[in-house]
Amino acid sequence: MKRLKIRLSGRVQGVAFRHDARTRARQLGVKGFVKNMPDGSVYIEAEAREPALNEFVLWCREGPDPARVEDMETEVLPVKNDSDFQIQY
């Protein structure tokens, strides 16, 4: 298992990014959360086995159709063993 912090900037709020990220994460078995940040970015913590996590990261680089990801930063975090993938408000 591996956990990543993912921060996305660009046109990532107001384009259903959180909802679609949750849907894709659940399809892949990725656990964690996604939330909008006050600076206009999207913050994700995602945890899964590496193949699923890598696929989720690839999805994050593109996001849903109306999104435009201009920058993506990732950092490895300690595993937390979340039970689901949630939208945080």
C-alpha atoms as a PDB file:
ATOM      1  CA  MET A   1       0.000   0.000   0.000  1.00  0.00           C
ATOM      2  CA  LYS A   2       1.064   3.542  -0.702  1.00  0.00           C
ATOM      3  CA  ARG A   3      -0.475   6.935   0.118  1.00  0.00           C
ATOM      4  CA  LEU A   4       0.042  10.124  -1.863  1.00  0.00           C
ATOM      5  CA  LYS A   5      -0.768  13.753  -1.288  1.00  0.00           C
ATOM      6  CA  ILE A   6      -1.829  15.252  -4.636  1.00  0.00           C
ATOM      7  CA  ARG A   7      -2.321  18.984  -5.187  1.00  0.00           C
ATOM      8  CA  LEU A   8      -3.801  20.122  -8.484  1.00  0.00           C
ATOM      9  CA  SER A   9      -4.049  23.656  -9.776  1.00  0.00           C
ATOM     10  CA  GLY A  10      -5.521  25.242 -12.882  1.00  0.00           C
ATOM     11  CA  ARG A  11      -9.204  25.079 -13.756  1.00  0.00           C
ATOM     12  CA  VAL A  12     -10.021  22.438 -11.162  1.00  0.00           C
ATOM     13  CA  GLN A  13     -12.861  23.941  -9.110  1.00  0.00           C
ATOM     14  CA  GLY A  14     -16.412  24.327 -10.394  1.00  0.00           C
ATOM     15  CA  VAL A  15     -15.917  21.524 -12.946  1.00  0.00           C
ATOM     16  CA  ALA A  16     -17.123  18.477 -10.910  1.00  0.00           C
ATOM     17  CA  PHE A  17     -13.525  17.475 -10.164  1.00  0.00           C
ATOM     18  CA  ARG A  18     -14.249  16.278  -6.607  1.00  0.00           C
ATOM     19  CA  HIS A  19     -17.293  14.248  -7.621  1.00  0.00           C
ATOM     20  CA  ASP A  20     -15.536  12.630 -10.580  1.00  0.00           C
ATOM     21  CA  ALA A  21     -12.392  11.973  -8.505  1.00  0.00           C
ATOM     22  CA  ARG A  22     -14.502  10.153  -5.915  1.00  0.00           C
ATOM     23  CA  THR A  23     -16.214   8.104  -8.624  1.00  0.00           C
ATOM     24  CA  ARG A  24     -12.906   7.146 -10.274  1.00  0.00           C
ATOM     25  CA  ALA A  25     -11.228   6.397  -6.940  1.00  0.00           C
ATOM     26  CA  ARG A  26     -14.049   4.085  -5.898  1.00  0.00           C
ATOM     27  CA  GLN A  27     -13.900   2.297  -9.271  1.00  0.00           C
ATOM     28  CA  LEU A  28     -10.187   1.656  -8.723  1.00  0.00           C
ATOM     29  CA  GLY A  29     -10.423   0.786  -5.026  1.00  0.00           C
ATOM     30  CA  VAL A  30      -8.518   3.916  -3.990  1.00  0.00           C
ATOM     31  CA  LYS A  31      -9.216   5.212  -0.466  1.00  0.00           C
ATOM     32  CA  GLY A  32      -8.771   8.725   0.925  1.00  0.00           C
ATOM     33  CA  PHE A  33     -10.400  12.093   0.297  1.00  0.00           C
ATOM     34  CA  VAL A  34     -10.597  15.111  -1.985  1.00  0.00           C
ATOM     35  CA  LYS A  35     -11.346  18.733  -1.111  1.00  0.00           C
ATOM     36  CA  ASN A  36     -11.305  22.200  -2.620  1.00  0.00           C
ATOM     37  CA  MET A  37      -8.762  24.592  -1.152  1.00  0.00           C
ATOM     38  CA  PRO A  38      -9.249  28.351  -0.581  1.00  0.00           C
ATOM     39  CA  ASP A  39      -6.493  29.137  -3.126  1.00  0.00           C
ATOM     40  CA  GLY A  40      -8.487  27.489  -5.957  1.00  0.00           C
ATOM     41  CA  SER A  41      -6.539  24.224  -5.967  1.00  0.00           C
ATOM     42  CA  VAL A  42      -7.810  20.708  -5.275  1.00  0.00           C
ATOM     43  CA  TYR A  43      -6.156  18.634  -2.516  1.00  0.00           C
ATOM     44  CA  ILE A  44      -6.311  14.843  -2.551  1.00  0.00           C
ATOM     45  CA  GLU A  45      -4.970  12.151  -0.286  1.00  0.00           C
ATOM     46  CA  ALA A  46      -5.149   8.814  -2.082  1.00  0.00           C
ATOM     47  CA  GLU A  47      -4.148   5.377  -0.851  1.00  0.00           C
ATOM     48  CA  ALA A  48      -4.078   2.043  -2.674  1.00  0.00           C
ATOM     49  CA  ARG A  49      -1.803  -0.605  -4.092  1.00  0.00           C
ATOM     50  CA  GLU A  50       0.592   0.963  -6.582  1.00  0.00           C
ATOM     51  CA  PRO A  51      -1.073  -0.152  -9.862  1.00  0.00           C
ATOM     52  CA  ALA A  52      -4.446   1.343  -8.839  1.00  0.00           C
ATOM     53  CA  LEU A  53      -2.809   4.423  -7.338  1.00  0.00           C
ATOM     54  CA  ASN A  54      -0.782   5.014 -10.505  1.00  0.00           C
ATOM     55  CA  GLU A  55      -3.925   4.770 -12.632  1.00  0.00           C
ATOM     56  CA  PHE A  56      -5.697   7.247 -10.349  1.00  0.00           C
ATOM     57  CA  VAL A  57      -2.770   9.685 -10.598  1.00  0.00           C
ATOM     58  CA  LEU A  58      -2.927   9.452 -14.405  1.00  0.00           C
ATOM     59  CA  TRP A  59      -6.641  10.279 -14.231  1.00  0.00           C
ATOM     60  CA  CYS A  60      -5.890  13.260 -11.956  1.00  0.00           C
ATOM     61  CA  ARG A  61      -3.498  14.729 -14.544  1.00  0.00           C
ATOM     62  CA  GLU A  62      -6.482  15.113 -16.901  1.00  0.00           C
ATOM     63  CA  GLY A  63      -9.508  15.295 -14.605  1.00  0.00           C
ATOM     64  CA  PRO A  64     -13.057  15.541 -15.941  1.00  0.00           C
ATOM     65  CA  ASP A  65     -13.740  17.077 -19.361  1.00  0.00           C
ATOM     66  CA  PRO A  66     -14.212  20.732 -18.356  1.00  0.00           C
ATOM     67  CA  ALA A  67     -11.120  20.713 -16.096  1.00  0.00           C
ATOM     68  CA  ARG A  68      -7.695  21.982 -17.137  1.00  0.00           C
ATOM     69  CA  VAL A  69      -4.920  20.776 -14.832  1.00  0.00           C
ATOM     70  CA  GLU A  70      -1.972  23.149 -15.149  1.00  0.00           C
ATOM     71  CA  ASP A  71       0.172  21.836 -12.292  1.00  0.00           C
ATOM     72  CA  MET A  72       0.243  18.697 -10.188  1.00  0.00           C
ATOM     73  CA  GLU A  73       2.415  18.062  -7.126  1.00  0.00           C
ATOM     74  CA  THR A  74       2.661  14.733  -5.342  1.00  0.00           C
ATOM     75  CA  GLU A  75       4.271  13.655  -2.105  1.00  0.00           C
ATOM     76  CA  VAL A  76       4.370  10.274  -0.363  1.00  0.00           C
ATOM     77  CA  LEU A  77       2.578  10.166   2.998  1.00  0.00           C
ATOM     78  CA  PRO A  78       2.293   7.500   5.703  1.00  0.00           C
ATOM     79  CA  VAL A  79      -0.468   4.954   5.052  1.00  0.00           C
ATOM     80  CA  LYS A  80      -3.637   5.627   7.096  1.00  0.00           C
ATOM     81  CA  ASN A  81      -5.847   2.670   6.053  1.00  0.00           C
ATOM     82  CA  ASP A  82      -8.915   4.742   5.164  1.00  0.00           C
ATOM     83  CA  SER A  83     -12.093   2.755   4.586  1.00  0.00           C
ATOM     84  CA  ASP A  84     -13.527   4.764   1.646  1.00  0.00           C
ATOM     85  CA  PHE A  85     -12.901   7.758  -0.613  1.00  0.00           C
ATOM     86  CA  GLN A  86     -14.842  10.843   0.464  1.00  0.00           C
ATOM     87  CA  ILE A  87     -15.405  14.443  -0.546  1.00  0.00           C
ATOM     88  CA  GLN A  88     -14.453  16.762   2.310  1.00  0.00           C
ATOM     89  CA  TYR A  89     -16.107  20.171   2.601  1.00  0.00           C
END
